[in-house]
Amino acid sequence: MKLMAENGTEIPNPDSQTIEKTVQQIDAVDNTYVILMSHEEAYIQAAFEEPGLYALEYRENADHDFYSEILVTQEQVIHALQRYAKGDRSWKEDFRWMPLGH
């Protein structure tokens, strides 16, 4: 597992507190997204949309489509990434995912 941010942050095997702090640093200027990768082709990411709201997207592997949910809160992003990092797949049930094309 690796947490990466647009500002160059890369943290292997982040804990819940690190995920929370990293998400809280997302902004509209030079750190607009974070990605939590479980391996090369599987990840969940969050991107700044407007103050207090984020786009959330995930991909399970190279053979699956991308899915997104837009306009979620910072708290929802934090909780989803924390559960993803722990291997808890319940985060998928909290959103109405829409498939995205390749």
Protein backbone atom coordinates (compact mmCIF):
# COMPACT_ATOMS: atom_id res chain seq x y z
CA MET A 1 0.00 0.00 0.00
CA LYS A 2 1.33 3.46 -0.85
CA LEU A 3 -0.21 6.91 -0.33
CA MET A 4 0.79 9.60 -2.82
CA ALA A 5 -0.16 13.24 -3.19
CA GLU A 6 0.33 15.76 -5.97
CA ASN A 7 2.80 17.69 -3.79
CA GLY A 8 5.26 14.78 -4.00
CA THR A 9 4.36 13.07 -0.74
CA GLU A 10 4.86 9.29 -0.90
CA ILE A 11 4.16 7.21 2.19
CA PRO A 12 4.40 3.42 2.20
CA ASN A 13 1.83 1.59 4.35
CA PRO A 14 0.17 4.70 5.81
CA ASP A 15 -1.77 4.44 9.05
CA SER A 16 -5.22 5.99 9.59
CA GLN A 17 -3.83 9.19 11.11
CA THR A 18 -1.43 9.72 8.19
CA ILE A 19 -4.26 9.22 5.70
CA GLU A 20 -6.40 11.77 7.55
CA LYS A 21 -3.62 14.39 7.64
CA THR A 22 -2.76 13.86 3.97
CA VAL A 23 -6.38 14.22 2.85
CA GLN A 24 -6.73 17.37 4.96
CA GLN A 25 -3.85 18.89 2.97
CA ILE A 26 -5.68 18.63 -0.38
CA ASP A 27 -6.22 22.10 -1.79
CA ALA A 28 -7.17 23.90 -5.01
CA VAL A 29 -3.66 25.15 -5.81
CA ASP A 30 -0.74 22.74 -5.82
CA ASN A 31 -1.95 19.63 -3.99
CA THR A 32 -5.25 18.83 -5.68
CA TYR A 33 -5.34 15.05 -5.23
CA VAL A 34 -4.25 12.00 -3.25
CA ILE A 35 -3.97 8.41 -4.44
CA LEU A 36 -3.86 5.29 -2.27
CA MET A 37 -2.52 2.35 -4.27
CA SER A 38 -2.74 -1.26 -3.20
CA HIS A 39 -0.72 -2.26 -6.27
CA GLU A 40 0.12 -0.90 -9.73
CA GLU A 41 -3.37 -1.22 -11.20
CA ALA A 42 -5.58 -0.89 -8.10
CA TYR A 43 -6.21 2.34 -6.26
CA ILE A 44 -8.64 4.81 -4.78
CA GLN A 45 -8.10 8.52 -5.29
CA ALA A 46 -9.67 11.79 -4.23
CA ALA A 47 -9.43 15.12 -6.01
CA PHE A 48 -10.43 18.64 -5.02
CA GLU A 49 -13.61 19.84 -6.75
CA GLU A 50 -14.66 22.85 -4.67
CA PRO A 51 -14.21 23.90 -1.05
CA GLY A 52 -15.29 20.99 1.14
CA LEU A 53 -16.17 18.69 -1.77
CA TYR A 54 -14.12 16.07 -3.60
CA ALA A 55 -14.36 13.62 -6.47
CA LEU A 56 -13.65 10.04 -5.44
CA GLU A 57 -12.58 7.38 -7.94
CA TYR A 58 -11.33 3.83 -7.79
CA ARG A 59 -9.98 1.08 -10.01
CA GLU A 60 -9.66 -2.55 -8.98
CA ASN A 61 -7.22 -3.78 -11.65
CA ALA A 62 -6.24 -3.39 -15.28
CA ASP A 63 -9.15 -5.54 -16.44
CA HIS A 64 -11.84 -3.47 -14.72
CA ASP A 65 -13.34 -0.11 -15.52
CA PHE A 66 -12.85 2.96 -13.42
CA TYR A 67 -15.66 4.04 -11.11
CA SER A 68 -16.31 7.48 -9.69
CA GLU A 69 -18.47 9.30 -7.21
CA ILE A 70 -18.39 13.06 -7.29
CA LEU A 71 -19.01 15.63 -4.61
CA VAL A 72 -18.27 13.76 -1.43
CA THR A 73 -17.14 15.38 1.81
CA GLN A 74 -13.64 15.37 3.25
CA GLU A 75 -14.83 13.12 6.07
CA GLN A 76 -16.22 10.61 3.57
CA VAL A 77 -12.92 10.62 1.67
CA ILE A 78 -10.91 10.05 4.85
CA HIS A 79 -13.10 7.16 5.99
CA ALA A 80 -13.08 5.51 2.54
CA LEU A 81 -9.27 5.68 2.25
CA GLN A 82 -8.77 4.45 5.80
CA ARG A 83 -10.95 1.41 5.20
CA TYR A 84 -9.32 0.75 1.81
CA ALA A 85 -5.90 0.76 3.50
CA LYS A 86 -7.12 -1.85 6.00
CA GLY A 87 -8.54 -4.10 3.29
CA ASP A 88 -12.10 -3.38 4.46
CA ARG A 89 -14.18 -3.34 1.26
CA SER A 90 -17.24 -1.80 2.95
CA TRP A 91 -16.19 1.65 1.67
CA LYS A 92 -17.68 0.71 -1.71
CA GLU A 93 -21.17 0.49 -0.21
CA ASP A 94 -21.19 4.12 0.96
CA PHE A 95 -21.38 5.66 -2.52
CA ARG A 96 -23.33 5.53 -5.75
CA TRP A 97 -20.51 4.62 -8.11
CA MET A 98 -20.73 5.51 -11.79
CA PRO A 99 -18.61 3.66 -14.34
CA LEU A 100 -16.09 5.71 -16.30
CA GLY A 101 -14.66 4.75 -19.68
CA HIS A 102 -11.03 3.79 -20.15
